[in-house]
Amino acid sequence: MKIAPQPWPRLDPGAMLCRSEDALKQYQEAMATAAGDEQPALPADCTRVMEQMAISIVQRDGPSRVQVKSSSPPDRAGWTDAWLPDKLP
C-alpha cells in the first residue's frame, strides 16, 4: 500500500491565519501579555485553520511571521506564526 506524500509547505489544523501582518502582530502581543493559561480573544481578522492546507510562502518577516497563500481552493492568503522551515522536518 502506497502512502500519499504530505503537502509541504502546509498549515496544520490549529495554526493561526490572519488577514494582515498587523493583525498577527496584535495576536502575538496579546499572547505575550496573557497570564498563565489565559487565552486572549482572537483579533477580528484572525482565524484558526480547521483543516490541513497546502500553501506557498510569499515572504518571511523573521521566524515568527510568514506571509502565505493557499495552493488550492478556497484561495486564502494571510500571515501566520506557524513554524515553516524550508524543508519538511
N, C-alpha and C. Protein backbone atom coordinates (compact mmCIF):
# COMPACT_ATOMS: atom_id res chain seq x y z
N MET A 1 0.85 -1.19 0.00
CA MET A 1 0.00 0.00 0.00
C MET A 1 0.89 1.24 0.00
N LYS A 2 0.65 2.09 -0.95
CA LYS A 2 1.45 3.31 -1.08
C LYS A 2 0.78 4.44 -0.33
N ILE A 3 1.55 5.15 0.48
CA ILE A 3 1.02 6.28 1.26
C ILE A 3 1.28 7.56 0.47
N ALA A 4 0.24 8.35 0.33
CA ALA A 4 0.36 9.62 -0.39
C ALA A 4 1.26 10.57 0.40
N PRO A 5 2.16 11.27 -0.27
CA PRO A 5 3.03 12.21 0.45
C PRO A 5 2.22 13.39 0.99
N GLN A 6 2.64 13.89 2.12
CA GLN A 6 2.00 15.06 2.73
C GLN A 6 2.47 16.31 2.00
N PRO A 7 1.57 17.28 1.79
CA PRO A 7 2.00 18.51 1.11
C PRO A 7 2.98 19.29 2.00
N TRP A 8 3.91 19.97 1.37
CA TRP A 8 4.82 20.86 2.09
C TRP A 8 5.17 22.01 1.18
N PRO A 9 5.15 23.23 1.63
CA PRO A 9 4.76 23.62 2.99
C PRO A 9 3.24 23.54 3.17
N ARG A 10 2.84 23.53 4.44
CA ARG A 10 1.42 23.42 4.76
C ARG A 10 1.14 24.04 6.12
N LEU A 11 -0.13 24.37 6.35
CA LEU A 11 -0.60 24.76 7.67
C LEU A 11 -1.44 23.61 8.18
N ASP A 12 -1.21 23.21 9.41
CA ASP A 12 -1.96 22.14 10.03
C ASP A 12 -3.12 22.70 10.85
N PRO A 13 -4.11 21.87 11.16
CA PRO A 13 -5.23 22.34 11.99
C PRO A 13 -4.71 22.97 13.29
N GLY A 14 -5.30 24.10 13.63
CA GLY A 14 -4.91 24.83 14.83
C GLY A 14 -3.97 26.00 14.56
N ALA A 15 -3.37 26.03 13.36
CA ALA A 15 -2.48 27.14 13.03
C ALA A 15 -3.28 28.44 12.93
N MET A 16 -2.63 29.53 13.23
CA MET A 16 -3.25 30.85 13.15
C MET A 16 -3.06 31.41 11.74
N LEU A 17 -4.10 32.01 11.19
CA LEU A 17 -4.00 32.69 9.89
C LEU A 17 -4.72 34.02 10.02
N CYS A 18 -3.97 35.10 9.81
CA CYS A 18 -4.52 36.45 9.92
C CYS A 18 -4.48 37.12 8.56
N ARG A 19 -5.44 38.00 8.30
CA ARG A 19 -5.52 38.67 7.00
C ARG A 19 -4.38 39.64 6.77
N SER A 20 -3.82 40.19 7.86
CA SER A 20 -2.74 41.18 7.71
C SER A 20 -1.64 40.90 8.72
N GLU A 21 -0.47 41.42 8.44
CA GLU A 21 0.66 41.28 9.36
C GLU A 21 0.36 42.02 10.66
N ASP A 22 -0.32 43.17 10.57
CA ASP A 22 -0.67 43.92 11.78
C ASP A 22 -1.59 43.12 12.70
N ALA A 23 -2.57 42.41 12.12
CA ALA A 23 -3.47 41.58 12.93
C ALA A 23 -2.69 40.45 13.62
N LEU A 24 -1.74 39.86 12.90
CA LEU A 24 -0.92 38.81 13.51
C LEU A 24 -0.07 39.38 14.64
N LYS A 25 0.51 40.55 14.44
CA LYS A 25 1.30 41.20 15.49
C LYS A 25 0.43 41.48 16.72
N GLN A 26 -0.80 41.93 16.50
CA GLN A 26 -1.73 42.18 17.60
C GLN A 26 -1.98 40.89 18.39
N TYR A 27 -2.22 39.79 17.68
CA TYR A 27 -2.42 38.50 18.33
C TYR A 27 -1.17 38.08 19.11
N GLN A 28 0.00 38.22 18.51
CA GLN A 28 1.24 37.84 19.19
C GLN A 28 1.48 38.67 20.44
N GLU A 29 1.18 39.95 20.38
CA GLU A 29 1.33 40.82 21.57
C GLU A 29 0.37 40.39 22.67
N ALA A 30 -0.87 40.05 22.30
CA ALA A 30 -1.85 39.61 23.29
C ALA A 30 -1.41 38.29 23.93
N MET A 31 -0.83 37.39 23.14
CA MET A 31 -0.33 36.11 23.67
C MET A 31 0.83 36.35 24.64
N ALA A 32 1.69 37.29 24.30
CA ALA A 32 2.86 37.57 25.13
C ALA A 32 2.48 38.15 26.49
N THR A 33 1.36 38.87 26.55
CA THR A 33 0.96 39.51 27.81
C THR A 33 -0.12 38.73 28.56
N ALA A 34 -0.61 37.63 27.97
CA ALA A 34 -1.65 36.82 28.62
C ALA A 34 -1.08 36.16 29.87
N ALA A 35 -1.88 36.07 30.90
CA ALA A 35 -1.45 35.48 32.16
C ALA A 35 -1.74 33.98 32.19
N GLY A 36 -0.71 33.18 32.50
CA GLY A 36 -0.88 31.74 32.69
C GLY A 36 -1.55 31.03 31.53
N ASP A 37 -2.64 30.33 31.84
CA ASP A 37 -3.36 29.56 30.84
C ASP A 37 -4.40 30.39 30.09
N GLU A 38 -4.46 31.67 30.38
CA GLU A 38 -5.45 32.55 29.75
C GLU A 38 -5.21 32.63 28.24
N GLN A 39 -6.26 32.44 27.47
CA GLN A 39 -6.18 32.58 26.02
C GLN A 39 -6.82 33.91 25.64
N PRO A 40 -6.05 34.80 25.00
CA PRO A 40 -6.64 36.08 24.60
C PRO A 40 -7.64 35.89 23.47
N ALA A 41 -8.55 36.82 23.34
CA ALA A 41 -9.52 36.77 22.25
C ALA A 41 -8.79 36.95 20.93
N LEU A 42 -9.26 36.26 19.91
CA LEU A 42 -8.66 36.40 18.58
C LEU A 42 -9.03 37.74 17.98
N PRO A 43 -8.07 38.41 17.34
CA PRO A 43 -8.43 39.63 16.62
C PRO A 43 -9.45 39.30 15.53
N ALA A 44 -10.25 40.26 15.16
CA ALA A 44 -11.32 40.03 14.17
C ALA A 44 -10.80 39.49 12.85
N ASP A 45 -9.58 39.84 12.48
CA ASP A 45 -9.03 39.41 11.19
C ASP A 45 -8.20 38.14 11.28
N CYS A 46 -8.31 37.39 12.39
CA CYS A 46 -7.54 36.16 12.56
C CYS A 46 -8.47 34.97 12.79
N THR A 47 -8.10 33.83 12.25
CA THR A 47 -8.86 32.59 12.44
C THR A 47 -7.90 31.43 12.63
N ARG A 48 -8.41 30.37 13.19
CA ARG A 48 -7.64 29.12 13.30
C ARG A 48 -7.92 28.28 12.06
N VAL A 49 -6.90 27.65 11.54
CA VAL A 49 -7.05 26.74 10.41
C VAL A 49 -7.74 25.48 10.93
N MET A 50 -8.77 25.04 10.23
CA MET A 50 -9.54 23.87 10.67
C MET A 50 -9.13 22.58 9.97
N GLU A 51 -8.59 22.67 8.76
CA GLU A 51 -8.15 21.50 8.01
C GLU A 51 -6.77 21.78 7.44
N GLN A 52 -6.00 20.71 7.25
CA GLN A 52 -4.67 20.86 6.66
C GLN A 52 -4.78 21.64 5.35
N MET A 53 -3.86 22.58 5.15
CA MET A 53 -3.92 23.47 3.99
C MET A 53 -2.54 23.55 3.34
N ALA A 54 -2.46 23.12 2.08
CA ALA A 54 -1.22 23.29 1.32
C ALA A 54 -1.07 24.77 1.00
N ILE A 55 0.14 25.29 1.16
CA ILE A 55 0.39 26.72 0.96
C ILE A 55 1.66 26.94 0.16
N SER A 56 1.84 28.16 -0.26
CA SER A 56 3.13 28.61 -0.77
C SER A 56 3.54 29.79 0.11
N ILE A 57 4.82 29.93 0.32
CA ILE A 57 5.34 31.02 1.15
C ILE A 57 5.61 32.22 0.26
N VAL A 58 5.00 33.35 0.61
CA VAL A 58 5.15 34.57 -0.16
C VAL A 58 6.37 35.35 0.33
N GLN A 59 6.45 35.54 1.65
CA GLN A 59 7.60 36.23 2.24
C GLN A 59 7.69 35.92 3.73
N ARG A 60 8.87 36.13 4.28
CA ARG A 60 9.10 35.92 5.71
C ARG A 60 9.49 37.25 6.36
N ASP A 61 9.00 37.44 7.58
CA ASP A 61 9.40 38.58 8.40
C ASP A 61 9.93 37.98 9.69
N GLY A 62 11.12 37.43 9.62
CA GLY A 62 11.71 36.73 10.75
C GLY A 62 11.09 35.35 10.89
N PRO A 63 11.43 34.64 11.97
CA PRO A 63 10.94 33.27 12.13
C PRO A 63 9.49 33.16 12.62
N SER A 64 8.92 34.26 13.10
CA SER A 64 7.59 34.15 13.71
C SER A 64 6.47 34.79 12.89
N ARG A 65 6.77 35.29 11.71
CA ARG A 65 5.73 35.87 10.86
C ARG A 65 6.04 35.51 9.40
N VAL A 66 5.09 34.80 8.79
CA VAL A 66 5.27 34.35 7.41
C VAL A 66 3.99 34.65 6.63
N GLN A 67 4.15 35.31 5.48
CA GLN A 67 3.02 35.55 4.61
C GLN A 67 2.86 34.33 3.70
N VAL A 68 1.63 33.80 3.64
CA VAL A 68 1.36 32.58 2.89
C VAL A 68 0.15 32.75 1.99
N LYS A 69 0.04 31.86 1.01
CA LYS A 69 -1.11 31.81 0.11
C LYS A 69 -1.46 30.35 -0.07
N SER A 70 -2.75 30.02 0.01
CA SER A 70 -3.16 28.63 -0.15
C SER A 70 -2.88 28.18 -1.58
N SER A 71 -2.55 26.89 -1.72
CA SER A 71 -2.23 26.33 -3.03
C SER A 71 -3.44 25.72 -3.70
N SER A 72 -4.54 25.63 -2.99
CA SER A 72 -5.75 25.04 -3.56
C SER A 72 -6.97 25.80 -3.05
N PRO A 73 -8.08 25.71 -3.77
CA PRO A 73 -9.30 26.40 -3.32
C PRO A 73 -9.76 25.89 -1.97
N PRO A 74 -10.40 26.68 -1.15
CA PRO A 74 -10.66 28.09 -1.43
C PRO A 74 -9.39 28.90 -1.26
N ASP A 75 -9.17 29.85 -2.16
CA ASP A 75 -7.97 30.67 -2.09
C ASP A 75 -8.00 31.51 -0.83
N ARG A 76 -6.95 31.37 -0.06
CA ARG A 76 -6.81 32.17 1.16
C ARG A 76 -5.38 32.66 1.21
N ALA A 77 -5.21 33.85 1.70
CA ALA A 77 -3.88 34.41 1.88
C ALA A 77 -3.85 35.13 3.21
N GLY A 78 -2.68 35.25 3.78
CA GLY A 78 -2.56 35.95 5.04
C GLY A 78 -1.21 35.70 5.69
N TRP A 79 -1.18 35.95 6.97
CA TRP A 79 0.04 35.85 7.76
C TRP A 79 -0.16 34.82 8.86
N THR A 80 0.90 34.04 9.13
CA THR A 80 0.85 33.02 10.17
C THR A 80 2.10 33.08 11.03
N ASP A 81 1.99 32.56 12.24
CA ASP A 81 3.16 32.43 13.10
C ASP A 81 3.60 30.97 13.19
N ALA A 82 3.04 30.11 12.31
CA ALA A 82 3.40 28.69 12.31
C ALA A 82 4.86 28.53 11.91
N TRP A 83 5.52 27.54 12.50
CA TRP A 83 6.90 27.23 12.16
C TRP A 83 6.92 26.56 10.79
N LEU A 84 7.55 27.19 9.82
CA LEU A 84 7.58 26.67 8.45
C LEU A 84 9.02 26.66 7.94
N PRO A 85 9.77 25.60 8.30
CA PRO A 85 11.15 25.53 7.79
C PRO A 85 11.15 25.33 6.28
N ASP A 86 12.30 25.60 5.66
CA ASP A 86 12.41 25.48 4.20
C ASP A 86 12.16 24.06 3.70
N LYS A 87 12.57 23.07 4.51
CA LYS A 87 12.39 21.67 4.12
C LYS A 87 11.50 20.96 5.12
N LEU A 88 10.79 19.95 4.64
CA LEU A 88 9.91 19.16 5.50
C LEU A 88 10.73 18.58 6.66
N PRO A 89 10.31 18.81 7.90
CA PRO A 89 11.08 18.28 9.05
C PRO A 89 11.02 16.77 9.12
